[in-house]
């Protein structure tokens, strides 16, 4: 029994050492490209690691010699599945407490929208919030200042997200009533970085509960029909 336990401990230590060695090789390769990793974890494909960066999601071979940028798809089923975005949903839902939420009374679908208070189509989407909610669509907002996190819009969005009543502050900003300065521990740079990892390049960008990203504005009825269709695909019915 003791011998078996000792062998297991030695094996675990060896595997742990190999993992750290692999990560070191990956970090060294990324450094050559001027990329800093925020998280390294196993990939869906053996012999590779998934690397989270502020520039997007990368897939890197264990030896660090080859790097692929972009989403990975699982095409083994009836419908292609973006496994990269599915993985990112864990990070997205971890920000739930920082989201500005407009909840449907009879919720059927939940979407997360990367938005910018200076974006015309973001304004249009928000103006129709009552219609989305009436169709059973709950809308959750994350900040994605298109001009970058150092822009004036980003500073205003930070104030909105730090307001005592975030929904009211967001409504006022979208209705052109201005933004009252406010500060807090929320860092919308994390929202922005996650948007980049999802491949967001413009707003609004709508993320469905399965990780599928719908770029651009979608009207309430149009979005409801699409969400119903996606739900059928997911359930297999």
Protein backbone atom coordinates (compact mmCIF):
# COMPACT_ATOMS: atom_id res chain seq x y z
CA UNK A 1 0.00 0.00 0.00
CA UNK A 2 2.79 2.38 0.96
CA UNK A 3 4.72 1.46 -2.19
CA UNK A 4 1.69 2.17 -4.40
CA UNK A 5 1.13 5.50 -2.68
CA UNK A 6 4.78 6.43 -3.18
CA UNK A 7 4.62 5.54 -6.90
CA UNK A 8 1.45 7.62 -7.30
CA UNK A 9 3.07 10.59 -5.54
CA UNK A 10 6.17 10.35 -7.77
CA UNK A 11 3.99 10.13 -10.90
CA UNK A 12 1.93 13.13 -9.85
CA UNK A 13 5.08 15.14 -9.15
CA UNK A 14 6.54 14.16 -12.53
CA UNK A 15 3.38 15.14 -14.41
CA UNK A 16 3.21 18.42 -12.49
CA UNK A 17 6.83 19.14 -13.39
CA UNK A 18 6.11 18.38 -17.05
CA UNK A 19 3.12 20.74 -17.01
CA UNK A 20 5.22 23.56 -15.58
CA UNK A 21 7.93 22.84 -18.14
CA UNK A 22 5.38 22.98 -20.96
CA UNK A 23 3.95 26.26 -19.64
CA UNK A 24 7.45 27.75 -19.44
CA UNK A 25 8.11 26.84 -23.10
CA UNK A 26 4.77 28.35 -24.11
CA UNK A 27 5.39 31.57 -22.18
CA UNK A 28 8.83 31.88 -23.76
CA UNK A 29 7.37 31.52 -27.25
CA UNK A 30 4.62 34.04 -26.54
CA UNK A 31 7.21 36.51 -25.24
CA UNK A 32 8.85 36.45 -28.68
CA UNK A 33 5.58 37.76 -30.09
CA UNK A 34 5.19 40.33 -27.33
CA UNK A 35 2.14 38.52 -25.94
CA UNK A 36 1.51 38.03 -22.25
CA UNK A 37 -0.67 35.10 -21.22
CA UNK A 38 -3.27 35.58 -18.50
CA UNK A 39 -4.15 31.91 -18.21
CA UNK A 40 -2.88 28.60 -19.61
CA UNK A 41 -5.08 25.53 -19.49
CA UNK A 42 -5.55 22.21 -21.35
CA UNK A 43 -7.00 22.38 -24.85
CA UNK A 44 -9.73 20.11 -26.27
CA UNK A 45 -7.03 18.61 -28.51
CA UNK A 46 -4.21 16.55 -27.01
CA UNK A 47 -0.71 17.99 -27.34
CA UNK A 48 -1.94 21.59 -27.13
CA UNK A 49 -2.78 24.20 -24.51
CA UNK A 50 -5.40 26.92 -24.54
CA UNK A 51 -3.86 30.31 -23.78
CA UNK A 52 -5.99 33.27 -22.71
CA UNK A 53 -4.51 36.66 -23.62
CA UNK A 54 -5.84 40.21 -23.78
CA UNK A 55 -5.47 39.94 -27.56
CA UNK A 56 -7.67 36.86 -27.87
CA UNK A 57 -7.57 33.10 -27.36
CA UNK A 58 -4.58 31.14 -28.67
CA UNK A 59 -3.90 27.43 -29.05
CA UNK A 60 -0.25 26.51 -28.57
CA UNK A 61 1.51 23.16 -28.93
CA UNK A 62 2.97 21.82 -25.68
CA UNK A 63 6.51 22.48 -26.92
CA UNK A 64 5.61 26.11 -27.68
CA UNK A 65 6.73 25.83 -31.31
CA UNK A 66 3.39 26.35 -33.06
CA UNK A 67 0.62 28.86 -32.30
CA UNK A 68 -2.89 29.08 -33.74
CA UNK A 69 -5.15 32.09 -33.21
CA UNK A 70 -8.92 31.94 -33.52
CA UNK A 71 -11.88 29.82 -32.45
CA UNK A 72 -11.78 26.03 -32.38
CA UNK A 73 -14.82 24.12 -33.59
CA UNK A 74 -16.07 20.65 -32.73
CA UNK A 75 -17.74 19.31 -35.87
CA UNK A 76 -18.39 15.79 -34.59
CA UNK A 77 -22.08 16.46 -33.96
CA UNK A 78 -25.01 17.52 -36.10
CA UNK A 79 -24.10 21.20 -35.68
CA UNK A 80 -20.61 22.76 -35.41
CA UNK A 81 -19.84 23.88 -31.86
CA UNK A 82 -17.49 26.77 -31.10
CA UNK A 83 -15.67 25.19 -28.15
CA UNK A 84 -13.59 28.35 -27.64
CA UNK A 85 -16.66 30.45 -26.94
CA UNK A 86 -18.20 27.73 -24.80
CA UNK A 87 -15.09 27.84 -22.62
CA UNK A 88 -15.29 31.63 -22.48
CA UNK A 89 -18.85 31.45 -21.13
CA UNK A 90 -17.39 30.46 -17.75
CA UNK A 91 -15.43 33.73 -17.70
CA UNK A 92 -18.45 35.69 -18.91
CA UNK A 93 -20.80 34.33 -16.26
CA UNK A 94 -18.16 35.04 -13.62
CA UNK A 95 -18.80 38.74 -14.33
CA UNK A 96 -22.54 38.40 -13.68
CA UNK A 97 -22.46 40.63 -10.59
CA UNK A 98 -20.93 43.42 -12.68
CA UNK A 99 -23.55 43.25 -15.43
CA UNK A 100 -26.32 45.78 -15.91
CA UNK A 101 -29.37 43.53 -16.23
CA UNK A 102 -32.84 44.10 -17.67
CA UNK A 103 -34.73 40.97 -16.69
CA UNK A 104 -37.77 39.63 -18.52
CA UNK A 105 -40.76 38.91 -16.29
CA UNK A 106 -41.30 35.57 -18.07
CA UNK A 107 -37.73 34.71 -18.96
CA UNK A 108 -37.19 32.33 -21.90
CA UNK A 109 -33.77 33.45 -23.11
CA UNK A 110 -30.76 35.26 -21.65
CA UNK A 111 -28.38 37.27 -23.83
CA UNK A 112 -25.29 39.25 -22.92
CA UNK A 113 -24.59 42.37 -24.95
CA UNK A 114 -21.21 44.05 -25.26
CA UNK A 115 -22.26 47.68 -25.59
CA UNK A 116 -20.91 51.21 -26.00
CA UNK A 117 -22.89 54.24 -24.84
CA UNK A 118 -21.67 56.18 -27.94
CA UNK A 119 -22.90 53.52 -30.38
CA UNK A 120 -26.01 54.37 -32.43
CA UNK A 121 -27.26 50.81 -32.84
CA UNK A 122 -26.63 50.18 -29.13
CA UNK A 123 -29.01 53.08 -28.46
CA UNK A 124 -31.57 51.56 -30.83
CA UNK A 125 -31.36 48.19 -29.08
CA UNK A 126 -31.79 49.79 -25.67
CA UNK A 127 -34.75 51.89 -26.82
CA UNK A 128 -36.58 48.62 -27.57
CA UNK A 129 -35.78 47.00 -24.23
CA UNK A 130 -39.45 46.70 -23.28
CA UNK A 131 -40.07 44.71 -26.47
CA UNK A 132 -37.17 42.31 -25.83
CA UNK A 133 -38.32 41.78 -22.25
CA UNK A 134 -41.94 41.25 -23.35
CA UNK A 135 -40.75 38.43 -25.62
CA UNK A 136 -39.06 36.74 -22.66
CA UNK A 137 -35.53 37.95 -23.46
CA UNK A 138 -33.41 39.04 -20.49
CA UNK A 139 -30.64 41.44 -21.53
CA UNK A 140 -27.36 41.65 -19.62
CA UNK A 141 -24.85 44.38 -20.50
CA UNK A 142 -21.05 44.43 -20.37
CA UNK A 143 -18.95 47.43 -21.35
CA UNK A 144 -17.04 47.47 -24.63
CA UNK A 145 -15.79 51.01 -25.39
CA UNK A 146 -14.95 50.80 -29.09
CA UNK A 147 -12.25 53.47 -28.90
CA UNK A 148 -10.38 51.61 -26.19
CA UNK A 149 -10.26 51.62 -22.42
CA UNK A 150 -8.37 54.94 -22.29
CA UNK A 151 -11.08 56.80 -24.22
CA UNK A 152 -13.54 59.36 -22.84
CA UNK A 153 -16.37 56.92 -23.53
CA UNK A 154 -14.62 54.31 -21.39
CA UNK A 155 -14.33 56.78 -18.51
CA UNK A 156 -18.04 57.59 -18.77
CA UNK A 157 -18.92 53.91 -18.91
CA UNK A 158 -16.82 53.29 -15.82
CA UNK A 159 -18.92 55.92 -14.03
CA UNK A 160 -22.13 54.28 -15.24
CA UNK A 161 -21.04 50.89 -14.00
CA UNK A 162 -20.02 52.41 -10.66
CA UNK A 163 -23.26 54.32 -10.12
CA UNK A 164 -25.39 53.47 -7.09
CA UNK A 165 -28.29 52.71 -9.45
CA UNK A 166 -26.56 51.29 -12.52
CA UNK A 167 -29.73 50.75 -14.55
CA UNK A 168 -30.85 54.36 -14.05
CA UNK A 169 -27.38 55.67 -14.88
CA UNK A 170 -27.29 53.51 -18.01
CA UNK A 171 -30.77 54.66 -19.07
CA UNK A 172 -29.71 58.30 -18.62
CA UNK A 173 -26.53 57.79 -20.63
CA UNK A 174 -28.42 56.10 -23.47
CA UNK A 175 -31.10 58.83 -23.41
CA UNK A 176 -28.52 61.61 -23.71
CA UNK A 177 -29.01 62.88 -20.15
CA UNK A 178 -25.31 62.76 -19.34
CA UNK A 179 -23.18 60.77 -16.92
CA UNK A 180 -22.47 61.62 -13.31
CA UNK A 181 -18.86 60.83 -12.25
CA UNK A 182 -18.53 57.80 -9.98
CA UNK A 183 -15.80 55.40 -8.97
CA UNK A 184 -15.58 51.85 -7.63
CA UNK A 185 -13.56 48.65 -7.87
CA UNK A 186 -15.20 47.46 -11.09
CA UNK A 187 -12.64 47.37 -13.90
CA UNK A 188 -14.36 47.53 -17.28
CA UNK A 189 -11.00 46.66 -18.87
CA UNK A 190 -11.94 43.09 -17.90
CA UNK A 191 -15.19 43.41 -19.87
CA UNK A 192 -13.29 44.77 -22.84
CA UNK A 193 -10.63 42.03 -22.73
CA UNK A 194 -13.32 39.35 -22.60
CA UNK A 195 -15.05 40.93 -25.59
CA UNK A 196 -11.79 40.76 -27.54
CA UNK A 197 -11.43 37.08 -26.58
CA UNK A 198 -14.93 36.46 -27.94
CA UNK A 199 -13.84 38.12 -31.18
CA UNK A 200 -15.92 41.25 -30.68
CA UNK A 201 -14.79 44.11 -32.94
CA UNK A 202 -17.90 46.28 -32.91
CA UNK A 203 -21.03 46.95 -30.90
CA UNK A 204 -23.59 45.82 -30.10
CA UNK A 205 -22.31 42.24 -29.99
CA UNK A 206 -24.82 39.73 -28.65
CA UNK A 207 -23.60 36.60 -26.88
CA UNK A 208 -26.09 33.77 -26.51
CA UNK A 209 -26.11 31.38 -23.56
CA UNK A 210 -24.33 28.73 -25.69
CA UNK A 211 -21.48 31.12 -26.53
CA UNK A 212 -22.68 31.92 -30.06
CA UNK A 213 -21.95 35.55 -30.96
CA UNK A 214 -24.40 37.56 -33.06
CA UNK A 215 -22.64 40.67 -34.39
CA UNK A 216 -24.66 43.85 -34.68
CA UNK A 217 -28.19 44.97 -33.89
CA UNK A 218 -31.04 42.47 -34.09
CA UNK A 219 -34.66 43.57 -33.74
CA UNK A 220 -36.78 42.00 -30.96
CA UNK A 221 -38.87 39.68 -33.17
CA UNK A 222 -35.91 38.74 -35.34
CA UNK A 223 -33.76 37.95 -32.32
CA UNK A 224 -36.53 35.95 -30.62
CA UNK A 225 -36.91 33.74 -33.72
CA UNK A 226 -33.15 33.18 -33.86
CA UNK A 227 -32.96 32.37 -30.14
CA UNK A 228 -35.79 29.85 -30.45
CA UNK A 229 -33.96 28.19 -33.35
CA UNK A 230 -30.68 28.04 -31.40
CA UNK A 231 -32.50 26.55 -28.42
CA UNK A 232 -33.83 23.73 -30.66
CA UNK A 233 -30.30 23.02 -31.92
CA UNK A 234 -28.95 22.92 -28.37
CA UNK A 235 -31.71 20.65 -27.08
CA UNK A 236 -31.52 18.41 -30.15
CA UNK A 237 -35.26 18.67 -30.78
